[in-house]
Amino acid sequence: GFSGGKDSTCTLQLVWTALAMLPSERRQKPVYVISSDTLVET
């Protein structure tokens, strides 16, 4: 889940970097990044 806030941004960066360090042949599982518009954001 990605909201654009500091916690989800940090989590996404941690996962992204960790997986990028794996050789491409070991990066086969899909990773989906989703966001939910709660209609309260500007």
PDB file of all heavy atoms in Angstrom:
ATOM      1  N   GLY A   1       0.836  -1.187   0.000  1.00  0.00           N
ATOM      2  CA  GLY A   1       0.000   0.000   0.000  1.00  0.00           C
ATOM      3  C   GLY A   1       0.874   1.240   0.000  1.00  0.00           C
ATOM      4  O   GLY A   1       1.868   1.320   0.722  1.00  0.00           O
ATOM      5  N   PHE A   2       0.517   2.218  -0.826  1.00  0.00           N
ATOM      6  CA  PHE A   2       1.300   3.446  -0.936  1.00  0.00           C
ATOM      7  C   PHE A   2       0.374   4.641  -0.827  1.00  0.00           C
ATOM      8  O   PHE A   2      -0.556   4.792  -1.616  1.00  0.00           O
ATOM      9  CB  PHE A   2       2.051   3.483  -2.271  1.00  0.00           C
ATOM     10  CG  PHE A   2       2.856   4.727  -2.467  1.00  0.00           C
ATOM     11  CD1 PHE A   2       4.035   4.917  -1.774  1.00  0.00           C
ATOM     12  CD2 PHE A   2       2.435   5.716  -3.335  1.00  0.00           C
ATOM     13  CE1 PHE A   2       4.784   6.074  -1.937  1.00  0.00           C
ATOM     14  CE2 PHE A   2       3.170   6.868  -3.510  1.00  0.00           C
ATOM     15  CZ  PHE A   2       4.354   7.052  -2.816  1.00  0.00           C
ATOM     16  N   SER A   3       0.644   5.495   0.178  1.00  0.00           N
ATOM     17  CA  SER A   3      -0.164   6.694   0.377  1.00  0.00           C
ATOM     18  C   SER A   3       0.593   7.962   0.008  1.00  0.00           C
ATOM     19  O   SER A   3      -0.002   9.035  -0.069  1.00  0.00           O
ATOM     20  CB  SER A   3      -0.592   6.793   1.842  1.00  0.00           C
ATOM     21  OG  SER A   3       0.541   7.046   2.669  1.00  0.00           O
ATOM     22  N   GLY A   4       1.898   7.843  -0.181  1.00  0.00           N
ATOM     23  CA  GLY A   4       2.726   9.009  -0.439  1.00  0.00           C
ATOM     24  C   GLY A   4       3.307   9.610   0.832  1.00  0.00           C
ATOM     25  O   GLY A   4       4.118  10.522   0.776  1.00  0.00           O
ATOM     26  N   GLY A   5       2.900   9.088   1.982  1.00  0.00           N
ATOM     27  CA  GLY A   5       3.427   9.567   3.254  1.00  0.00           C
ATOM     28  C   GLY A   5       4.784   8.961   3.562  1.00  0.00           C
ATOM     29  O   GLY A   5       5.289   8.098   2.838  1.00  0.00           O
ATOM     30  N   LYS A   6       5.357   9.397   4.658  1.00  0.00           N
ATOM     31  CA  LYS A   6       6.723   8.971   4.990  1.00  0.00           C
ATOM     32  C   LYS A   6       6.821   7.479   5.267  1.00  0.00           C
ATOM     33  O   LYS A   6       7.800   6.844   4.884  1.00  0.00           O
ATOM     34  CB  LYS A   6       7.267   9.790   6.151  1.00  0.00           C
ATOM     35  CG  LYS A   6       6.547   9.603   7.466  1.00  0.00           C
ATOM     36  CD  LYS A   6       7.097  10.520   8.542  1.00  0.00           C
ATOM     37  CE  LYS A   6       6.465  10.371   9.883  1.00  0.00           C
ATOM     38  NZ  LYS A   6       5.039  10.173   9.948  1.00  0.00           N
ATOM     39  N   ASP A   7       5.830   6.891   5.937  1.00  0.00           N
ATOM     40  CA  ASP A   7       5.922   5.471   6.282  1.00  0.00           C
ATOM     41  C   ASP A   7       5.815   4.573   5.052  1.00  0.00           C
ATOM     42  O   ASP A   7       6.637   3.670   4.860  1.00  0.00           O
ATOM     43  CB  ASP A   7       4.839   5.100   7.296  1.00  0.00           C
ATOM     44  CG  ASP A   7       5.009   5.807   8.627  1.00  0.00           C
ATOM     45  OD1 ASP A   7       6.160   6.113   8.994  1.00  0.00           O
ATOM     46  OD2 ASP A   7       4.000   6.052   9.298  1.00  0.00           O
ATOM     47  N   SER A   8       4.819   4.832   4.196  1.00  0.00           N
ATOM     48  CA  SER A   8       4.675   3.980   3.013  1.00  0.00           C
ATOM     49  C   SER A   8       5.797   4.234   2.016  1.00  0.00           C
ATOM     50  O   SER A   8       6.233   3.305   1.321  1.00  0.00           O
ATOM     51  CB  SER A   8       3.304   4.171   2.354  1.00  0.00           C
ATOM     52  OG  SER A   8       3.150   5.463   1.822  1.00  0.00           O
ATOM     53  N   THR A   9       6.298   5.456   1.946  1.00  0.00           N
ATOM     54  CA  THR A   9       7.421   5.753   1.064  1.00  0.00           C
ATOM     55  C   THR A   9       8.675   5.017   1.525  1.00  0.00           C
ATOM     56  O   THR A   9       9.398   4.420   0.715  1.00  0.00           O
ATOM     57  CB  THR A   9       7.676   7.271   1.004  1.00  0.00           C
ATOM     58  OG1 THR A   9       6.500   7.913   0.496  1.00  0.00           O
ATOM     59  CG2 THR A   9       8.870   7.606   0.127  1.00  0.00           C
ATOM     60  N   CYS A  10       8.921   5.024   2.825  1.00  0.00           N
ATOM     61  CA  CYS A  10      10.083   4.333   3.382  1.00  0.00           C
ATOM     62  C   CYS A  10       9.971   2.817   3.151  1.00  0.00           C
ATOM     63  O   CYS A  10      10.936   2.170   2.746  1.00  0.00           O
ATOM     64  CB  CYS A  10      10.205   4.642   4.864  1.00  0.00           C
ATOM     65  SG  CYS A  10      11.647   3.891   5.640  1.00  0.00           S
ATOM     66  N   THR A  11       8.791   2.273   3.386  1.00  0.00           N
ATOM     67  CA  THR A  11       8.578   0.835   3.180  1.00  0.00           C
ATOM     68  C   THR A  11       8.798   0.453   1.725  1.00  0.00           C
ATOM     69  O   THR A  11       9.493  -0.519   1.424  1.00  0.00           O
ATOM     70  CB  THR A  11       7.163   0.432   3.629  1.00  0.00           C
ATOM     71  OG1 THR A  11       7.008   0.758   5.007  1.00  0.00           O
ATOM     72  CG2 THR A  11       6.911  -1.052   3.405  1.00  0.00           C
ATOM     73  N   LEU A  12       8.215   1.229   0.823  1.00  0.00           N
ATOM     74  CA  LEU A  12       8.376   0.955  -0.605  1.00  0.00           C
ATOM     75  C   LEU A  12       9.841   1.045  -1.007  1.00  0.00           C
ATOM     76  O   LEU A  12      10.344   0.181  -1.728  1.00  0.00           O
ATOM     77  CB  LEU A  12       7.532   1.923  -1.432  1.00  0.00           C
ATOM     78  CG  LEU A  12       7.666   1.815  -2.943  1.00  0.00           C
ATOM     79  CD1 LEU A  12       7.331   0.405  -3.441  1.00  0.00           C
ATOM     80  CD2 LEU A  12       6.779   2.852  -3.610  1.00  0.00           C
ATOM     81  N   GLN A  13      10.554   2.048  -0.530  1.00  0.00           N
ATOM     82  CA  GLN A  13      11.972   2.194  -0.884  1.00  0.00           C
ATOM     83  C   GLN A  13      12.800   1.028  -0.346  1.00  0.00           C
ATOM     84  O   GLN A  13      13.682   0.515  -1.034  1.00  0.00           O
ATOM     85  CB  GLN A  13      12.526   3.512  -0.348  1.00  0.00           C
ATOM     86  CG  GLN A  13      13.956   3.775  -0.782  1.00  0.00           C
ATOM     87  CD  GLN A  13      14.081   3.945  -2.277  1.00  0.00           C
ATOM     88  OE1 GLN A  13      13.508   4.855  -2.847  1.00  0.00           O
ATOM     89  NE2 GLN A  13      14.819   3.064  -2.932  1.00  0.00           N
ATOM     90  N   LEU A  14      12.499   0.595   0.862  1.00  0.00           N
ATOM     91  CA  LEU A  14      13.205  -0.539   1.458  1.00  0.00           C
ATOM     92  C   LEU A  14      13.000  -1.795   0.624  1.00  0.00           C
ATOM     93  O   LEU A  14      13.957  -2.495   0.268  1.00  0.00           O
ATOM     94  CB  LEU A  14      12.733  -0.768   2.892  1.00  0.00           C
ATOM     95  CG  LEU A  14      13.272  -2.015   3.582  1.00  0.00           C
ATOM     96  CD1 LEU A  14      14.735  -1.819   3.942  1.00  0.00           C
ATOM     97  CD2 LEU A  14      12.461  -2.321   4.822  1.00  0.00           C
ATOM     98  N   VAL A  15      11.756  -2.087   0.282  1.00  0.00           N
ATOM     99  CA  VAL A  15      11.450  -3.281  -0.511  1.00  0.00           C
ATOM    100  C   VAL A  15      12.059  -3.161  -1.908  1.00  0.00           C
ATOM    101  O   VAL A  15      12.680  -4.102  -2.411  1.00  0.00           O
ATOM    102  CB  VAL A  15       9.922  -3.525  -0.574  1.00  0.00           C
ATOM    103  CG1 VAL A  15       9.569  -4.611  -1.582  1.00  0.00           C
ATOM    104  CG2 VAL A  15       9.384  -3.871   0.807  1.00  0.00           C
ATOM    105  N   TRP A  16      11.890  -2.004  -2.527  1.00  0.00           N
ATOM    106  CA  TRP A  16      12.415  -1.791  -3.889  1.00  0.00           C
ATOM    107  C   TRP A  16      13.921  -2.042  -3.924  1.00  0.00           C
ATOM    108  O   TRP A  16      14.426  -2.761  -4.775  1.00  0.00           O
ATOM    109  CB  TRP A  16      12.108  -0.365  -4.329  1.00  0.00           C
ATOM    110  CG  TRP A  16      12.482  -0.083  -5.760  1.00  0.00           C
ATOM    111  CD1 TRP A  16      13.733   0.046  -6.274  1.00  0.00           C
ATOM    112  CD2 TRP A  16      11.580   0.101  -6.841  1.00  0.00           C
ATOM    113  NE1 TRP A  16      13.682   0.320  -7.610  1.00  0.00           N
ATOM    114  CE2 TRP A  16      12.369   0.357  -7.988  1.00  0.00           C
ATOM    115  CE3 TRP A  16      10.203   0.100  -6.955  1.00  0.00           C
ATOM    116  CZ2 TRP A  16      11.805   0.598  -9.232  1.00  0.00           C
ATOM    117  CZ3 TRP A  16       9.651   0.338  -8.204  1.00  0.00           C
ATOM    118  CH2 TRP A  16      10.441   0.579  -9.319  1.00  0.00           C
ATOM    119  N   THR A  17      14.640  -1.435  -3.005  1.00  0.00           N
ATOM    120  CA  THR A  17      16.096  -1.559  -2.979  1.00  0.00           C
ATOM    121  C   THR A  17      16.524  -2.995  -2.703  1.00  0.00           C
ATOM    122  O   THR A  17      17.424  -3.514  -3.366  1.00  0.00           O
ATOM    123  CB  THR A  17      16.702  -0.603  -1.935  1.00  0.00           C
ATOM    124  OG1 THR A  17      16.301   0.735  -2.258  1.00  0.00           O
ATOM    125  CG2 THR A  17      18.215  -0.694  -1.903  1.00  0.00           C
ATOM    126  N   ALA A  18      15.870  -3.639  -1.745  1.00  0.00           N
ATOM    127  CA  ALA A  18      16.219  -5.027  -1.415  1.00  0.00           C
ATOM    128  C   ALA A  18      16.018  -5.935  -2.619  1.00  0.00           C
ATOM    129  O   ALA A  18      16.873  -6.771  -2.932  1.00  0.00           O
ATOM    130  CB  ALA A  18      15.390  -5.509  -0.228  1.00  0.00           C
ATOM    131  N   LEU A  19      14.893  -5.769  -3.315  1.00  0.00           N
ATOM    132  CA  LEU A  19      14.622  -6.635  -4.468  1.00  0.00           C
ATOM    133  C   LEU A  19      15.513  -6.292  -5.648  1.00  0.00           C
ATOM    134  O   LEU A  19      15.914  -7.191  -6.396  1.00  0.00           O
ATOM    135  CB  LEU A  19      13.146  -6.553  -4.850  1.00  0.00           C
ATOM    136  CG  LEU A  19      12.163  -7.022  -3.773  1.00  0.00           C
ATOM    137  CD1 LEU A  19      10.747  -6.995  -4.292  1.00  0.00           C
ATOM    138  CD2 LEU A  19      12.528  -8.394  -3.222  1.00  0.00           C
ATOM    139  N   ALA A  20      15.857  -5.032  -5.803  1.00  0.00           N
ATOM    140  CA  ALA A  20      16.754  -4.632  -6.893  1.00  0.00           C
ATOM    141  C   ALA A  20      18.143  -5.241  -6.724  1.00  0.00           C
ATOM    142  O   ALA A  20      18.868  -5.414  -7.708  1.00  0.00           O
ATOM    143  CB  ALA A  20      16.847  -3.112  -6.962  1.00  0.00           C
ATOM    144  N   MET A  21      18.498  -5.566  -5.505  1.00  0.00           N
ATOM    145  CA  MET A  21      19.807  -6.170  -5.234  1.00  0.00           C
ATOM    146  C   MET A  21      19.848  -7.649  -5.649  1.00  0.00           C
ATOM    147  O   MET A  21      20.932  -8.213  -5.786  1.00  0.00           O
ATOM    148  CB  MET A  21      20.145  -6.035  -3.749  1.00  0.00           C
ATOM    149  CG  MET A  21      20.343  -4.587  -3.319  1.00  0.00           C
ATOM    150  SD  MET A  21      20.331  -4.356  -1.527  1.00  0.00           S
ATOM    151  CE  MET A  21      21.859  -5.166  -1.075  1.00  0.00           C
ATOM    152  N   LEU A  22      18.677  -8.261  -5.835  1.00  0.00           N
ATOM    153  CA  LEU A  22      18.634  -9.658  -6.268  1.00  0.00           C
ATOM    154  C   LEU A  22      18.911  -9.734  -7.760  1.00  0.00           C
ATOM    155  O   LEU A  22      18.494  -8.850  -8.522  1.00  0.00           O
ATOM    156  CB  LEU A  22      17.251 -10.254  -5.997  1.00  0.00           C
ATOM    157  CG  LEU A  22      16.859 -10.506  -4.555  1.00  0.00           C
ATOM    158  CD1 LEU A  22      15.380 -10.926  -4.475  1.00  0.00           C
ATOM    159  CD2 LEU A  22      17.742 -11.565  -3.922  1.00  0.00           C
ATOM    160  N   PRO A  23      19.551 -10.795  -8.217  1.00  0.00           N
ATOM    161  CA  PRO A  23      19.704 -10.992  -9.664  1.00  0.00           C
ATOM    162  C   PRO A  23      18.325 -11.098 -10.312  1.00  0.00           C
ATOM    163  O   PRO A  23      17.373 -11.582  -9.693  1.00  0.00           O
ATOM    164  CB  PRO A  23      20.461 -12.317  -9.777  1.00  0.00           C
ATOM    165  CG  PRO A  23      21.025 -12.589  -8.428  1.00  0.00           C
ATOM    166  CD  PRO A  23      20.167 -11.874  -7.439  1.00  0.00           C
ATOM    167  N   SER A  24      18.210 -10.639 -11.541  1.00  0.00           N
ATOM    168  CA  SER A  24      16.902 -10.594 -12.209  1.00  0.00           C
ATOM    169  C   SER A  24      16.217 -11.960 -12.260  1.00  0.00           C
ATOM    170  O   SER A  24      14.989 -12.036 -12.166  1.00  0.00           O
ATOM    171  CB  SER A  24      17.027 -10.010 -13.612  1.00  0.00           C
ATOM    172  OG  SER A  24      17.890 -10.794 -14.397  1.00  0.00           O
ATOM    173  N   GLU A  25      16.971 -13.022 -12.378  1.00  0.00           N
ATOM    174  CA  GLU A  25      16.347 -14.347 -12.442  1.00  0.00           C
ATOM    175  C   GLU A  25      15.688 -14.742 -11.117  1.00  0.00           C
ATOM    176  O   GLU A  25      14.863 -15.655 -11.077  1.00  0.00           O
ATOM    177  CB  GLU A  25      17.345 -15.424 -12.894  1.00  0.00           C
ATOM    178  CG  GLU A  25      18.503 -15.658 -11.968  1.00  0.00           C
ATOM    179  CD  GLU A  25      19.706 -14.754 -12.242  1.00  0.00           C
ATOM    180  OE1 GLU A  25      19.616 -13.861 -13.102  1.00  0.00           O
ATOM    181  OE2 GLU A  25      20.739 -14.958 -11.574  1.00  0.00           O
ATOM    182  N   ARG A  26      16.038 -14.074 -10.037  1.00  0.00           N
ATOM    183  CA  ARG A  26      15.423 -14.363  -8.731  1.00  0.00           C
ATOM    184  C   ARG A  26      14.279 -13.396  -8.419  1.00  0.00           C
ATOM    185  O   ARG A  26      13.634 -13.528  -7.391  1.00  0.00           O
ATOM    186  CB  ARG A  26      16.488 -14.304  -7.631  1.00  0.00           C
ATOM    187  CG  ARG A  26      17.468 -15.468  -7.753  1.00  0.00           C
ATOM    188  CD  ARG A  26      18.640 -15.377  -6.815  1.00  0.00           C
ATOM    189  NE  ARG A  26      18.278 -15.209  -5.422  1.00  0.00           N
ATOM    190  CZ  ARG A  26      19.157 -14.874  -4.480  1.00  0.00           C
ATOM    191  NH1 ARG A  26      20.423 -14.670  -4.787  1.00  0.00           N
ATOM    192  NH2 ARG A  26      18.769 -14.731  -3.224  1.00  0.00           N
ATOM    193  N   ARG A  27      14.026 -12.439  -9.311  1.00  0.00           N
ATOM    194  CA  ARG A  27      12.930 -11.481  -9.130  1.00  0.00           C
ATOM    195  C   ARG A  27      11.772 -11.866 -10.037  1.00  0.00           C
ATOM    196  O   ARG A  27      11.473 -11.191 -11.013  1.00  0.00           O
ATOM    197  CB  ARG A  27      13.393 -10.066  -9.471  1.00  0.00           C
ATOM    198  CG  ARG A  27      14.378  -9.492  -8.508  1.00  0.00           C
ATOM    199  CD  ARG A  27      14.633  -8.023  -8.795  1.00  0.00           C
ATOM    200  NE  ARG A  27      14.845  -7.755 -10.214  1.00  0.00           N
ATOM    201  CZ  ARG A  27      15.960  -7.278 -10.721  1.00  0.00           C
ATOM    202  NH1 ARG A  27      16.973  -6.988  -9.952  1.00  0.00           N
ATOM    203  NH2 ARG A  27      16.066  -7.069 -12.008  1.00  0.00           N
ATOM    204  N   GLN A  28      11.117 -12.950  -9.711  1.00  0.00           N
ATOM    205  CA  GLN A  28      10.044 -13.451 -10.569  1.00  0.00           C
ATOM    206  C   GLN A  28       8.649 -13.235  -9.990  1.00  0.00           C
ATOM    207  O   GLN A  28       7.672 -13.257 -10.715  1.00  0.00           O
ATOM    208  CB  GLN A  28      10.264 -14.947 -10.843  1.00  0.00           C
ATOM    209  CG  GLN A  28      11.563 -15.242 -11.558  1.00  0.00           C
ATOM    210  CD  GLN A  28      11.666 -14.521 -12.890  1.00  0.00           C
ATOM    211  OE1 GLN A  28      10.735 -14.513 -13.680  1.00  0.00           O
ATOM    212  NE2 GLN A  28      12.810 -13.885 -13.137  1.00  0.00           N
ATOM    213  N   LYS A  29       8.556 -13.048  -8.702  1.00  0.00           N
ATOM    214  CA  LYS A  29       7.250 -12.888  -8.059  1.00  0.00           C
ATOM    215  C   LYS A  29       6.734 -11.465  -8.286  1.00  0.00           C
ATOM    216  O   LYS A  29       7.464 -10.499  -8.119  1.00  0.00           O
ATOM    217  CB  LYS A  29       7.387 -13.171  -6.560  1.00  0.00           C
ATOM    218  CG  LYS A  29       6.108 -12.974  -5.823  1.00  0.00           C
ATOM    219  CD  LYS A  29       6.033 -13.473  -4.418  1.00  0.00           C
ATOM    220  CE  LYS A  29       7.219 -13.404  -3.542  1.00  0.00           C
ATOM    221  NZ  LYS A  29       6.940 -13.952  -2.212  1.00  0.00           N
ATOM    222  N   PRO A  30       5.449 -11.330  -8.641  1.00  0.00           N
ATOM    223  CA  PRO A  30       4.914  -9.981  -8.843  1.00  0.00           C
ATOM    224  C   PRO A  30       4.821  -9.203  -7.527  1.00  0.00           C
ATOM    225  O   PRO A  30       4.519  -9.772  -6.477  1.00  0.00           O
ATOM    226  CB  PRO A  30       3.520 -10.208  -9.423  1.00  0.00           C
ATOM    227  CG  PRO A  30       3.273 -11.665  -9.442  1.00  0.00           C
ATOM    228  CD  PRO A  30       4.483 -12.368  -8.951  1.00  0.00           C
ATOM    229  N   VAL A  31       5.079  -7.917  -7.634  1.00  0.00           N
ATOM    230  CA  VAL A  31       4.908  -6.993  -6.516  1.00  0.00           C
ATOM    231  C   VAL A  31       4.006  -5.873  -7.034  1.00  0.00           C
ATOM    232  O   VAL A  31       4.350  -5.201  -8.009  1.00  0.00           O
ATOM    233  CB  VAL A  31       6.246  -6.413  -6.029  1.00  0.00           C
ATOM    234  CG1 VAL A  31       6.018  -5.409  -4.902  1.00  0.00           C
ATOM    235  CG2 VAL A  31       7.185  -7.525  -5.574  1.00  0.00           C
ATOM    236  N   TYR A  32       2.875  -5.697  -6.382  1.00  0.00           N
ATOM    237  CA  TYR A  32       1.924  -4.669  -6.780  1.00  0.00           C
ATOM    238  C   TYR A  32       1.978  -3.524  -5.784  1.00  0.00           C
ATOM    239  O   TYR A  32       1.960  -3.748  -4.574  1.00  0.00           O
ATOM    240  CB  TYR A  32       0.502  -5.236  -6.830  1.00  0.00           C
ATOM    241  CG  TYR A  32       0.360  -6.384  -7.796  1.00  0.00           C
ATOM    242  CD1 TYR A  32       0.384  -7.699  -7.348  1.00  0.00           C
ATOM    243  CD2 TYR A  32       0.217  -6.154  -9.154  1.00  0.00           C
ATOM    244  CE1 TYR A  32       0.267  -8.760  -8.226  1.00  0.00           C
ATOM    245  CE2 TYR A  32       0.099  -7.205 -10.049  1.00  0.00           C
ATOM    246  CZ  TYR A  32       0.123  -8.507  -9.579  1.00  0.00           C
ATOM    247  OH  TYR A  32       0.017  -9.549 -10.453  1.00  0.00           O
ATOM    248  N   VAL A  33       2.042  -2.301  -6.289  1.00  0.00           N
ATOM    249  CA  VAL A  33       1.992  -1.113  -5.448  1.00  0.00           C
ATOM    250  C   VAL A  33       0.644  -0.458  -5.708  1.00  0.00           C
ATOM    251  O   VAL A  33       0.336  -0.096  -6.851  1.00  0.00           O
ATOM    252  CB  VAL A  33       3.141  -0.138  -5.774  1.00  0.00           C
ATOM    253  CG1 VAL A  33       3.055   1.105  -4.902  1.00  0.00           C
ATOM    254  CG2 VAL A  33       4.488  -0.828  -5.593  1.00  0.00           C
ATOM    255  N   ILE A  34      -0.159  -0.366  -4.661  1.00  0.00           N
ATOM    256  CA  ILE A  34      -1.505   0.166  -4.825  1.00  0.00           C
ATOM    257  C   ILE A  34      -1.713   1.379  -3.926  1.00  0.00           C
ATOM    258  O   ILE A  34      -1.028   1.574  -2.930  1.00  0.00           O
ATOM    259  CB  ILE A  34      -2.575  -0.903  -4.518  1.00  0.00           C
ATOM    260  CG1 ILE A  34      -2.488  -1.355  -3.064  1.00  0.00           C
ATOM    261  CG2 ILE A  34      -2.439  -2.094  -5.469  1.00  0.00           C
ATOM    262  CD1 ILE A  34      -3.660  -2.192  -2.612  1.00  0.00           C
ATOM    263  N   SER A  35      -2.674   2.178  -4.321  1.00  0.00           N
ATOM    264  CA  SER A  35      -3.060   3.341  -3.529  1.00  0.00           C
ATOM    265  C   SER A  35      -4.575   3.440  -3.579  1.00  0.00           C
ATOM    266  O   SER A  35      -5.201   3.084  -4.578  1.00  0.00           O
ATOM    267  CB  SER A  35      -2.423   4.603  -4.112  1.00  0.00           C
ATOM    268  OG  SER A  35      -2.744   5.714  -3.315  1.00  0.00           O
ATOM    269  N   SER A  36      -5.143   3.929  -2.511  1.00  0.00           N
ATOM    270  CA  SER A  36      -6.595   4.060  -2.426  1.00  0.00           C
ATOM    271  C   SER A  36      -6.952   5.526  -2.234  1.00  0.00           C
ATOM    272  O   SER A  36      -6.487   6.168  -1.292  1.00  0.00           O
ATOM    273  CB  SER A  36      -7.119   3.225  -1.252  1.00  0.00           C
ATOM    274  OG  SER A  36      -8.519   3.380  -1.141  1.00  0.00           O
ATOM    275  N   ASP A  37      -7.738   6.054  -3.143  1.00  0.00           N
ATOM    276  CA  ASP A  37      -8.181   7.438  -3.022  1.00  0.00           C
ATOM    277  C   ASP A  37      -9.377   7.474  -2.082  1.00  0.00           C
ATOM    278  O   ASP A  37     -10.466   7.001  -2.416  1.00  0.00           O
ATOM    279  CB  ASP A  37      -8.549   7.995  -4.396  1.00  0.00           C
ATOM    280  CG  ASP A  37      -8.886   9.474  -4.353  1.00  0.00           C
ATOM    281  OD1 ASP A  37      -8.989  10.048  -3.243  1.00  0.00           O
ATOM    282  OD2 ASP A  37      -9.056  10.066  -5.433  1.00  0.00           O
ATOM    283  N   THR A  38      -9.185   8.038  -0.907  1.00  0.00           N
ATOM    284  CA  THR A  38     -10.251   8.095   0.106  1.00  0.00           C
ATOM    285  C   THR A  38     -11.152   9.311  -0.082  1.00  0.00           C
ATOM    286  O   THR A  38     -12.068   9.526   0.707  1.00  0.00           O
ATOM    287  CB  THR A  38      -9.639   8.135   1.518  1.00  0.00           C
ATOM    288  OG1 THR A  38      -8.816   9.291   1.621  1.00  0.00           O
ATOM    289  CG2 THR A  38      -8.825   6.880   1.789  1.00  0.00           C
ATOM    290  N   LEU A  39     -10.854  10.096  -1.105  1.00  0.00           N
ATOM    291  CA  LEU A  39     -11.634  11.292  -1.442  1.00  0.00           C
ATOM    292  C   LEU A  39     -11.530  12.399  -0.404  1.00  0.00           C
ATOM    293  O   LEU A  39     -12.331  13.328  -0.409  1.00  0.00           O
ATOM    294  CB  LEU A  39     -13.106  10.930  -1.706  1.00  0.00           C
ATOM    295  CG  LEU A  39     -13.340   9.890  -2.807  1.00  0.00           C
ATOM    296  CD1 LEU A  39     -14.827   9.571  -2.929  1.00  0.00           C
ATOM    297  CD2 LEU A  39     -12.787  10.364  -4.141  1.00  0.00           C
ATOM    298  N   VAL A  40     -10.550  12.312   0.494  1.00  0.00           N
ATOM    299  CA  VAL A  40     -10.336  13.392   1.442  1.00  0.00           C
ATOM    300  C   VAL A  40      -9.047  14.158   1.148  1.00  0.00           C
ATOM    301  O   VAL A  40      -8.829  15.218   1.720  1.00  0.00           O
ATOM    302  CB  VAL A  40     -10.315  12.894   2.917  1.00  0.00           C
ATOM    303  CG1 VAL A  40     -11.646  12.289   3.289  1.00  0.00           C
ATOM    304  CG2 VAL A  40      -9.184  11.916   3.150  1.00  0.00           C
ATOM    305  N   GLU A  41      -8.202  13.623   0.248  1.00  0.00           N
ATOM    306  CA  GLU A  41      -6.964  14.296  -0.094  1.00  0.00           C
ATOM    307  C   GLU A  41      -7.241  15.456  -1.052  1.00  0.00           C
ATOM    308  O   GLU A  41      -8.185  15.412  -1.838  1.00  0.00           O
ATOM    309  CB  GLU A  41      -5.967  13.321  -0.749  1.00  0.00           C
ATOM    310  CG  GLU A  41      -5.357  12.314   0.206  1.00  0.00           C
ATOM    311  CD  GLU A  41      -6.250  11.102   0.441  1.00  0.00           C
ATOM    312  OE1 GLU A  41      -7.282  10.964  -0.242  1.00  0.00           O
ATOM    313  OE2 GLU A  41      -5.918  10.293   1.316  1.00  0.00           O
ATOM    314  N   THR A  42      -6.381  16.456  -0.985  1.00  0.00           N
ATOM    315  CA  THR A  42      -6.510  17.577  -1.908  1.00  0.00           C
ATOM    316  C   THR A  42      -6.094  17.134  -3.304  1.00  0.00           C
ATOM    317  O   THR A  42      -5.347  16.151  -3.463  1.00  0.00           O
ATOM    318  CB  THR A  42      -5.612  18.751  -1.467  1.00  0.00           C
ATOM    319  OG1 THR A  42      -4.245  18.354  -1.597  1.00  0.00           O
ATOM    320  CG2 THR A  42      -5.918  19.177  -0.042  1.00  0.00           C
TER     321      THR A  42
END
